[in-house]
């Protein structure tokens, strides 16, 4: 490399995308480059995009155009990530401000792109799990670790397999080695992520090893909390649930995206597992005391008012601790996009509002039931006269906070015993226990 460059980075989308950005930053740092927060000071700006649903695509395009306007004269604008992988030709043609483009398996070409004097696009690489240093963009005490890439589920509404390719587990020892390095570097909370975590290992070992991996990471001495996100219903078996519930240092928390409960719609979505099986998983979680998070889709093609009400009744019964929801978004080249009986936008958003209003009521009731609870809180900062953080029941970057007072100064990353004194729909309030 002829010179040291100042690099800016915008990372959008999910935690999996964040890990890709961190690996890219590590590669750039190893080559001697420096990082800046102000895009006007950067010699090159990377925008790591999301292409999951229409809103995410628009956010990515807006970020590209914003960085194009903010950069200094002569600075390069380089686009990476899911939107870049899927729409590379269109982006290069329609946004001439873009100087280069990398797909989701092409980060090894980043240094070549920085050096190049011509517009180039790379979207046919094979790199899934980069080696080398990784620069955390999370707080220094918490990190996400990607355990697989791609997806084989082929849900009819989802473009991820078209973007990321087939499911590929990362080697077991490689994951453990990274977790040990992170712990030695000061990380005490590790969150294992993938598009489908509960099938981890099945493709390369002939069996799922998610439970084994959780126990192994929890055994790392300096790790205090381990959690796993994005399990799939039909591979979330009793062994995995009991591992989550009973293993010391594993947070008793399950993220189980369900999308719907009506069997006809689940079949149209190409989702495995029946409504009866889903309900059995929820009952098992409740028996074990596992905090349960899910996501739902409303307005899927052909969803009748009766089927939507079935979903509402199910949510009332299940009483999820956390629930997120989306209005269905047709994605190009997916089977659902060309299904008949597409639902109009007004109906979709009416249903979305109804579902989220219901969940807000449930969340308020659950939070009120926690008043008087004594829990360990990972402090993340100070705001508006209160410390704030999370207990094992709140995942990073997705759930509410526990805000609390203390009679001493507490540092981010410190684990504190807190008693809950009051509740709102999404946040809790308490005080440090003496």
Protein backbone atom coordinates (compact mmCIF):
# COMPACT_ATOMS: atom_id res chain seq x y z
CA UNK A 1 0.00 0.00 0.00
CA UNK A 2 1.53 3.30 -1.06
CA UNK A 3 0.08 5.44 1.74
CA UNK A 4 -1.89 5.34 4.94
CA UNK A 5 -5.52 6.30 4.35
CA UNK A 6 -8.17 7.62 6.70
CA UNK A 7 -11.18 5.31 6.48
CA UNK A 8 -14.83 5.99 7.33
CA UNK A 9 -17.35 3.19 7.85
CA UNK A 10 -21.15 3.12 7.91
CA UNK A 11 -22.59 -0.28 8.87
CA UNK A 12 -26.34 -0.88 8.45
CA UNK A 13 -28.65 -3.80 9.12
CA UNK A 14 -28.31 -6.77 11.43
CA UNK A 15 -25.63 -7.89 13.88
CA UNK A 16 -24.35 -10.36 11.27
CA UNK A 17 -23.61 -7.40 9.00
CA UNK A 18 -21.87 -5.69 11.91
CA UNK A 19 -19.50 -8.66 12.27
CA UNK A 20 -18.67 -8.41 8.56
CA UNK A 21 -17.87 -4.72 9.04
CA UNK A 22 -15.66 -5.51 12.02
CA UNK A 23 -13.73 -8.10 10.02
CA UNK A 24 -13.29 -5.59 7.21
CA UNK A 25 -12.03 -2.96 9.67
CA UNK A 26 -9.54 -5.48 11.03
CA UNK A 27 -8.21 -6.16 7.56
CA UNK A 28 -7.85 -2.43 6.87
CA UNK A 29 -6.10 -1.82 10.20
CA UNK A 30 -3.65 -4.67 9.52
CA UNK A 31 -2.74 -2.89 6.27
CA UNK A 32 -1.88 0.23 8.26
CA UNK A 33 -4.93 2.38 7.63
CA UNK A 34 -6.58 4.64 10.21
CA UNK A 35 -10.24 5.28 11.02
CA UNK A 36 -12.23 8.49 11.36
CA UNK A 37 -15.80 9.23 12.40
CA UNK A 38 -16.22 12.36 10.28
CA UNK A 39 -16.88 11.39 6.63
CA UNK A 40 -15.55 14.78 5.51
CA UNK A 41 -12.12 13.77 6.86
CA UNK A 42 -12.02 10.33 5.22
CA UNK A 43 -9.96 9.37 2.19
CA UNK A 44 -12.34 6.45 1.61
CA UNK A 45 -15.79 5.64 2.99
CA UNK A 46 -17.25 2.12 3.14
CA UNK A 47 -21.05 1.74 3.37
CA UNK A 48 -22.01 -1.79 4.45
CA UNK A 49 -25.61 -2.14 3.27
CA UNK A 50 -28.66 -4.20 4.18
CA UNK A 51 -31.03 -5.61 1.56
CA UNK A 52 -33.47 -7.61 3.67
CA UNK A 53 -36.72 -5.67 3.14
CA UNK A 54 -37.77 -2.57 1.22
CA UNK A 55 -37.29 -0.16 4.12
CA UNK A 56 -33.76 -1.46 4.69
CA UNK A 57 -32.93 -1.10 1.00
CA UNK A 58 -34.09 2.52 1.02
CA UNK A 59 -32.09 3.24 4.18
CA UNK A 60 -28.99 1.82 2.47
CA UNK A 61 -29.49 3.90 -0.68
CA UNK A 62 -30.06 7.01 1.42
CA UNK A 63 -26.82 6.34 3.33
CA UNK A 64 -24.86 5.90 0.09
CA UNK A 65 -26.15 9.21 -1.27
CA UNK A 66 -25.57 10.97 2.06
CA UNK A 67 -21.94 9.79 2.18
CA UNK A 68 -21.46 10.80 -1.47
CA UNK A 69 -22.52 14.32 -0.55
CA UNK A 70 -20.53 14.46 2.70
CA UNK A 71 -17.19 13.15 1.45
CA UNK A 72 -14.32 15.46 0.62
CA UNK A 73 -13.15 15.94 -2.96
CA UNK A 74 -11.25 12.93 -4.21
CA UNK A 75 -12.42 10.56 -1.47
CA UNK A 76 -13.56 7.11 -2.56
CA UNK A 77 -17.07 5.81 -1.90
CA UNK A 78 -17.10 2.00 -1.62
CA UNK A 79 -20.28 -0.02 -1.12
CA UNK A 80 -20.45 -3.49 0.43
CA UNK A 81 -22.97 -5.87 1.98
CA UNK A 82 -26.26 -7.49 1.02
CA UNK A 83 -27.64 -4.72 -1.20
CA UNK A 84 -24.30 -4.55 -3.01
CA UNK A 85 -24.29 -8.32 -3.52
CA UNK A 86 -27.82 -8.48 -4.89
CA UNK A 87 -28.03 -5.31 -6.96
CA UNK A 88 -24.42 -4.70 -7.96
CA UNK A 89 -25.04 -3.89 -11.62
CA UNK A 90 -27.95 -1.55 -10.89
CA UNK A 91 -26.06 0.29 -8.15
CA UNK A 92 -22.99 0.81 -10.32
CA UNK A 93 -25.15 2.03 -13.19
CA UNK A 94 -27.62 4.22 -11.32
CA UNK A 95 -25.35 5.76 -8.66
CA UNK A 96 -22.24 6.99 -10.50
CA UNK A 97 -20.87 8.40 -7.24
CA UNK A 98 -19.98 4.83 -6.21
CA UNK A 99 -16.28 4.17 -6.88
CA UNK A 100 -16.26 0.45 -6.12
CA UNK A 101 -18.38 -2.40 -4.82
CA UNK A 102 -17.78 -5.57 -2.78
CA UNK A 103 -20.17 -8.48 -2.34
CA UNK A 104 -20.67 -10.38 0.92
CA UNK A 105 -17.89 -12.90 0.21
CA UNK A 106 -15.39 -10.46 -1.32
CA UNK A 107 -13.86 -8.55 1.58
CA UNK A 108 -10.45 -9.95 0.66
CA UNK A 109 -10.64 -7.60 -2.37
CA UNK A 110 -11.01 -4.48 -0.19
CA UNK A 111 -7.35 -3.45 -0.36
CA UNK A 112 -7.30 -3.92 -4.15
CA UNK A 113 -10.38 -1.73 -4.40
CA UNK A 114 -8.72 1.00 -2.36
CA UNK A 115 -5.71 0.90 -4.68
CA UNK A 116 -7.65 0.79 -7.93
CA UNK A 117 -7.89 3.84 -10.18
CA UNK A 118 -10.98 2.51 -11.98
CA UNK A 119 -14.54 1.65 -10.89
CA UNK A 120 -14.69 -2.05 -10.06
CA UNK A 121 -17.28 -4.47 -8.72
CA UNK A 122 -16.57 -7.82 -7.03
CA UNK A 123 -19.50 -10.14 -6.27
CA UNK A 124 -18.33 -13.68 -6.97
CA UNK A 125 -16.04 -14.46 -4.04
CA UNK A 126 -16.05 -17.48 -1.75
CA UNK A 127 -14.71 -16.09 1.56
CA UNK A 128 -17.22 -16.82 4.35
CA UNK A 129 -15.29 -16.55 7.63
CA UNK A 130 -12.30 -14.19 7.33
CA UNK A 131 -9.18 -14.82 9.37
CA UNK A 132 -7.19 -12.11 11.10
CA UNK A 133 -7.80 -9.28 13.52
CA UNK A 134 -11.29 -7.95 14.10
CA UNK A 135 -12.07 -4.42 15.27
CA UNK A 136 -15.07 -4.39 17.61
CA UNK A 137 -17.65 -1.66 17.05
CA UNK A 138 -19.65 -2.80 20.08
CA UNK A 139 -18.68 -1.73 23.61
CA UNK A 140 -15.43 -3.47 24.64
CA UNK A 141 -17.19 -5.84 27.06
CA UNK A 142 -19.71 -7.28 24.53
CA UNK A 143 -19.30 -8.96 21.14
CA UNK A 144 -21.29 -10.85 18.53
CA UNK A 145 -19.75 -14.04 17.09
CA UNK A 146 -21.02 -15.42 13.79
CA UNK A 147 -21.23 -19.23 13.80
CA UNK A 148 -22.53 -19.85 10.28
CA UNK A 149 -23.35 -18.03 7.06
CA UNK A 150 -26.12 -18.38 4.49
CA UNK A 151 -29.40 -20.24 4.83
CA UNK A 152 -31.06 -23.37 3.42
CA UNK A 153 -34.56 -22.77 4.80
CA UNK A 154 -35.89 -21.13 1.62
CA UNK A 155 -38.76 -19.32 3.30
CA UNK A 156 -40.91 -18.10 0.43
CA UNK A 157 -40.72 -14.42 1.45
CA UNK A 158 -36.96 -14.25 2.11
CA UNK A 159 -34.11 -13.28 -0.21
CA UNK A 160 -31.27 -14.19 2.16
CA UNK A 161 -30.40 -17.49 0.41
CA UNK A 162 -30.25 -15.58 -2.89
CA UNK A 163 -27.81 -13.12 -1.33
CA UNK A 164 -25.76 -15.17 1.13
CA UNK A 165 -25.92 -18.59 -0.48
CA UNK A 166 -26.35 -22.00 1.09
CA UNK A 167 -25.96 -22.64 4.80
CA UNK A 168 -22.36 -23.20 5.92
CA UNK A 169 -21.34 -23.80 9.52
CA UNK A 170 -18.12 -22.29 10.74
CA UNK A 171 -15.70 -24.87 12.19
CA UNK A 172 -16.31 -25.50 15.89
CA UNK A 173 -12.75 -24.93 17.10
CA UNK A 174 -12.49 -21.71 15.08
CA UNK A 175 -15.51 -20.32 16.92
CA UNK A 176 -14.16 -21.39 20.31
CA UNK A 177 -10.75 -19.88 19.52
CA UNK A 178 -12.34 -16.54 18.63
CA UNK A 179 -14.44 -16.51 21.79
CA UNK A 180 -11.33 -17.23 23.88
CA UNK A 181 -9.43 -14.38 22.18
CA UNK A 182 -12.34 -12.01 22.76
CA UNK A 183 -12.49 -12.98 26.44
CA UNK A 184 -8.75 -12.39 26.82
CA UNK A 185 -9.31 -8.95 25.27
CA UNK A 186 -11.90 -7.98 27.88
CA UNK A 187 -15.19 -9.22 26.37
CA UNK A 188 -17.43 -10.69 29.08
CA UNK A 189 -20.69 -11.04 27.09
CA UNK A 190 -20.73 -13.15 23.91
CA UNK A 191 -23.76 -13.45 21.66
CA UNK A 192 -23.70 -16.27 19.10
CA UNK A 193 -25.51 -15.36 15.87
CA UNK A 194 -26.35 -16.75 12.42
CA UNK A 195 -29.31 -16.79 10.09
CA UNK A 196 -30.29 -20.12 11.67
CA UNK A 197 -28.31 -20.97 14.81
CA UNK A 198 -30.19 -24.06 15.99
CA UNK A 199 -29.03 -26.17 13.03
CA UNK A 200 -25.37 -25.27 13.66
CA UNK A 201 -22.98 -28.05 12.68
CA UNK A 202 -25.46 -30.29 10.91
CA UNK A 203 -23.97 -29.63 7.47
CA UNK A 204 -20.32 -30.32 8.35
CA UNK A 205 -20.57 -32.68 11.34
CA UNK A 206 -23.72 -34.62 10.47
CA UNK A 207 -25.40 -33.48 13.69
CA UNK A 208 -26.35 -30.22 15.38
CA UNK A 209 -23.77 -29.01 17.91
CA UNK A 210 -25.47 -25.85 19.19
CA UNK A 211 -25.93 -27.17 22.73
CA UNK A 212 -22.34 -28.39 22.84
CA UNK A 213 -21.05 -25.05 21.55
CA UNK A 214 -23.02 -23.09 24.16
CA UNK A 215 -21.61 -25.22 26.98
CA UNK A 216 -18.07 -24.88 25.62
CA UNK A 217 -18.20 -21.09 25.30
CA UNK A 218 -19.77 -20.79 28.75
CA UNK A 219 -16.80 -22.74 30.13
CA UNK A 220 -14.39 -19.95 29.13
CA UNK A 221 -13.28 -18.54 32.48
CA UNK A 222 -13.50 -14.80 31.75
CA UNK A 223 -16.88 -15.02 30.00
CA UNK A 224 -19.81 -14.06 32.25
CA UNK A 225 -22.79 -14.25 29.86
CA UNK A 226 -23.41 -16.26 26.68
CA UNK A 227 -26.58 -16.12 24.62
CA UNK A 228 -27.74 -17.40 21.25
CA UNK A 229 -30.08 -15.61 18.84
CA UNK A 230 -32.21 -16.63 15.84
CA UNK A 231 -33.12 -20.27 16.47
CA UNK A 232 -35.52 -22.05 14.09
CA UNK A 233 -38.61 -23.73 15.61
CA UNK A 234 -38.25 -27.26 14.23
CA UNK A 235 -34.59 -27.62 15.30
CA UNK A 236 -35.10 -26.11 18.75
CA UNK A 237 -35.32 -29.41 20.61
CA UNK A 238 -35.56 -30.17 24.32
CA UNK A 239 -31.78 -30.59 24.66
CA UNK A 240 -31.16 -27.07 23.37
CA UNK A 241 -33.88 -25.55 25.57
CA UNK A 242 -32.55 -27.33 28.66
CA UNK A 243 -28.99 -26.24 27.83
CA UNK A 244 -30.18 -22.63 27.59
CA UNK A 245 -32.16 -22.91 30.82
CA UNK A 246 -29.70 -24.82 33.02
CA UNK A 247 -26.13 -24.10 31.89
CA UNK A 248 -24.32 -21.64 34.20
CA UNK A 249 -23.47 -18.36 32.40
CA UNK A 250 -25.80 -19.14 29.46
CA UNK A 251 -28.59 -16.56 29.49
CA UNK A 252 -32.00 -18.23 29.78
CA UNK A 253 -33.19 -16.33 26.71
CA UNK A 254 -34.45 -17.67 23.40
CA UNK A 255 -34.94 -15.71 20.17
CA UNK A 256 -37.34 -17.87 18.15
CA UNK A 257 -38.63 -16.08 15.00
CA UNK A 258 -42.02 -17.67 14.26
CA UNK A 259 -43.54 -15.36 11.57
CA UNK A 260 -47.09 -16.73 12.05
CA UNK A 261 -49.14 -19.44 13.75
CA UNK A 262 -51.74 -20.36 11.10
CA UNK A 263 -50.78 -23.71 9.53
CA UNK A 264 -51.97 -22.75 6.03
CA UNK A 265 -49.86 -19.60 6.03
CA UNK A 266 -46.86 -21.37 7.55
CA UNK A 267 -47.01 -23.81 4.65
CA UNK A 268 -47.25 -20.94 2.13
CA UNK A 269 -44.26 -19.35 3.82
CA UNK A 270 -42.40 -22.67 3.44
CA UNK A 271 -41.81 -22.76 7.18
CA UNK A 272 -41.11 -26.11 8.80
CA UNK A 273 -42.92 -27.08 11.99
CA UNK A 274 -46.64 -27.03 12.73
CA UNK A 275 -48.58 -24.73 15.03
CA UNK A 276 -48.83 -27.59 17.54
CA UNK A 277 -45.03 -27.99 17.59
CA UNK A 278 -44.56 -24.24 17.99
CA UNK A 279 -46.94 -24.20 20.95
CA UNK A 280 -45.05 -27.11 22.51
CA UNK A 281 -41.82 -25.09 22.32
CA UNK A 282 -43.47 -22.14 24.04
CA UNK A 283 -44.89 -24.34 26.79
CA UNK A 284 -41.45 -25.89 27.32
CA UNK A 285 -39.85 -22.43 27.56
CA UNK A 286 -42.39 -21.40 30.18
CA UNK A 287 -41.77 -24.56 32.19
CA UNK A 288 -38.04 -23.85 32.15
CA UNK A 289 -38.33 -20.11 32.86
CA UNK A 290 -36.76 -19.07 29.56
CA UNK A 291 -37.33 -15.50 28.36
CA UNK A 292 -38.86 -15.70 24.89
CA UNK A 293 -38.51 -13.30 21.97
CA UNK A 294 -40.09 -13.69 18.52
CA UNK A 295 -40.89 -11.88 15.28
CA UNK A 296 -44.08 -12.00 13.22
CA UNK A 297 -45.10 -11.06 9.68
CA UNK A 298 -48.53 -9.56 9.05
CA UNK A 299 -50.15 -9.07 5.67
CA UNK A 300 -48.55 -12.09 4.01
CA UNK A 301 -50.24 -12.81 0.64
CA UNK A 302 -53.64 -14.34 1.22
CA UNK A 303 -53.75 -13.70 4.98
CA UNK A 304 -57.44 -13.45 5.82
CA UNK A 305 -58.90 -11.39 8.65
CA UNK A 306 -59.70 -14.65 10.44
CA UNK A 307 -56.09 -15.83 10.12
CA UNK A 308 -54.84 -12.51 11.43
CA UNK A 309 -57.18 -12.82 14.41
CA UNK A 310 -55.80 -16.33 14.96
CA UNK A 311 -52.35 -14.74 15.20
CA UNK A 312 -53.65 -12.15 17.68
CA UNK A 313 -55.25 -14.87 19.82
CA UNK A 314 -52.00 -16.83 19.75
CA UNK A 315 -49.99 -13.81 20.92
CA UNK A 316 -52.48 -13.27 23.76
CA UNK A 317 -51.99 -16.91 24.76
CA UNK A 318 -48.21 -17.05 24.35
CA UNK A 319 -47.48 -13.74 26.11
CA UNK A 320 -44.06 -13.28 24.55
CA UNK A 321 -41.60 -11.34 26.67
CA UNK A 322 -40.44 -9.58 23.48
CA UNK A 323 -42.10 -9.40 20.07
CA UNK A 324 -41.14 -7.56 16.91
CA UNK A 325 -43.26 -7.51 13.76
CA UNK A 326 -43.06 -6.55 10.09
CA UNK A 327 -45.60 -5.70 7.45
CA UNK A 328 -44.93 -8.16 4.62
CA UNK A 329 -42.62 -6.73 1.96
CA UNK A 330 -42.49 -8.46 -1.47
CA UNK A 331 -38.89 -9.20 -2.40
CA UNK A 332 -37.85 -9.71 -6.01
CA UNK A 333 -37.25 -13.30 -7.14
CA UNK A 334 -38.94 -14.82 -4.08
CA UNK A 335 -41.99 -17.08 -4.51
CA UNK A 336 -44.17 -14.95 -2.23
CA UNK A 337 -43.67 -11.84 -4.39
CA UNK A 338 -45.71 -13.39 -7.23
CA UNK A 339 -48.34 -15.11 -5.11
CA UNK A 340 -51.96 -14.06 -5.74
CA UNK A 341 -54.01 -12.15 -3.16
CA UNK A 342 -51.37 -9.61 -2.19
CA UNK A 343 -52.59 -7.52 0.74
CA UNK A 344 -52.95 -3.75 0.35
CA UNK A 345 -50.64 -1.47 2.35
CA UNK A 346 -53.42 0.05 4.45
CA UNK A 347 -54.53 -3.38 5.66
CA UNK A 348 -50.96 -4.48 6.36
CA UNK A 349 -50.19 -1.46 8.51
CA UNK A 350 -53.54 -1.60 10.31
CA UNK A 351 -52.79 -5.19 11.29
CA UNK A 352 -49.24 -4.28 12.27
CA UNK A 353 -50.52 -1.48 14.53
CA UNK A 354 -53.09 -3.80 16.14
CA UNK A 355 -50.47 -6.46 16.84
CA UNK A 356 -47.95 -4.05 18.31
CA UNK A 357 -50.59 -2.36 20.48
CA UNK A 358 -51.48 -5.79 21.87
CA UNK A 359 -47.83 -6.59 22.51
CA UNK A 360 -47.31 -3.26 24.25
CA UNK A 361 -50.08 -4.19 26.71
CA UNK A 362 -48.51 -7.63 27.27
CA UNK A 363 -45.04 -6.13 27.71
CA UNK A 364 -46.36 -3.66 30.27
CA UNK A 365 -48.00 -6.46 32.27
CA UNK A 366 -44.87 -8.62 32.16
CA UNK A 367 -42.65 -5.72 33.22
CA UNK A 368 -45.01 -4.82 36.09
CA UNK A 369 -44.77 -8.42 37.27
CA UNK A 370 -40.99 -7.94 37.58
CA UNK A 371 -41.29 -5.16 40.17
CA UNK A 372 -39.53 -6.45 43.28
CA UNK A 373 -37.26 -8.73 41.26
CA UNK A 374 -33.56 -8.78 42.12
CA UNK A 375 -31.30 -9.28 39.11
CA UNK A 376 -27.78 -8.82 37.80
CA UNK A 377 -27.46 -5.90 35.36
CA UNK A 378 -24.61 -5.29 32.93
CA UNK A 379 -24.12 -1.51 33.14
CA UNK A 380 -23.82 0.15 29.72
CA UNK A 381 -23.74 3.83 30.58
CA UNK A 382 -25.24 6.91 32.22
CA UNK A 383 -28.11 8.98 30.83
CA UNK A 384 -30.53 11.57 32.25
CA UNK A 385 -29.30 11.07 35.80
CA UNK A 386 -29.57 7.27 35.76
CA UNK A 387 -27.32 4.35 34.97
CA UNK A 388 -28.71 1.95 32.39
CA UNK A 389 -28.00 -1.62 31.33
CA UNK A 390 -29.41 -5.06 30.72
CA UNK A 391 -30.09 -8.24 32.67
CA UNK A 392 -29.85 -11.74 31.14
CA UNK A 393 -33.47 -11.18 30.02
CA UNK A 394 -32.51 -8.33 27.62
CA UNK A 395 -30.44 -8.98 24.50
CA UNK A 396 -28.02 -6.33 23.20
CA UNK A 397 -29.35 -3.84 20.64
CA UNK A 398 -32.89 -5.23 20.54
CA UNK A 399 -34.59 -5.06 23.95
CA UNK A 400 -35.35 -2.41 26.55
CA UNK A 401 -33.11 -1.18 29.36
CA UNK A 402 -33.03 -1.38 33.11
CA UNK A 403 -32.37 2.13 34.46
CA UNK A 404 -31.13 2.41 38.03
CA UNK A 405 -29.63 4.59 40.71
CA UNK A 406 -26.49 3.84 42.70
CA UNK A 407 -24.64 5.38 45.64
CA UNK A 408 -21.27 4.99 43.91
CA UNK A 409 -19.71 5.47 40.50
CA UNK A 410 -20.23 2.52 38.18
CA UNK A 411 -18.27 1.91 35.00
CA UNK A 412 -19.72 0.56 31.72
CA UNK A 413 -19.06 -3.17 31.61
CA UNK A 414 -19.56 -3.64 35.34
CA UNK A 415 -22.08 -6.22 36.59
CA UNK A 416 -24.35 -4.80 39.28
CA UNK A 417 -27.04 -6.29 41.54
CA UNK A 418 -30.23 -4.27 41.04
CA UNK A 419 -33.70 -4.41 42.59
CA UNK A 420 -36.55 -3.48 40.23
CA UNK A 421 -38.82 -0.79 41.70
CA UNK A 422 -41.07 0.33 38.81
CA UNK A 423 -41.93 -0.46 35.21
CA UNK A 424 -42.87 1.02 31.86
CA UNK A 425 -43.89 -0.90 28.73
CA UNK A 426 -40.31 -1.42 27.58
CA UNK A 427 -37.97 -0.14 30.31
CA UNK A 428 -37.60 -1.00 33.99
CA UNK A 429 -36.37 1.17 36.87
CA UNK A 430 -34.54 0.18 40.01
CA UNK A 431 -31.67 0.78 42.40
CA UNK A 432 -28.37 -0.92 43.11
CA UNK A 433 -28.65 -3.30 46.05
CA UNK A 434 -26.37 -2.55 48.98
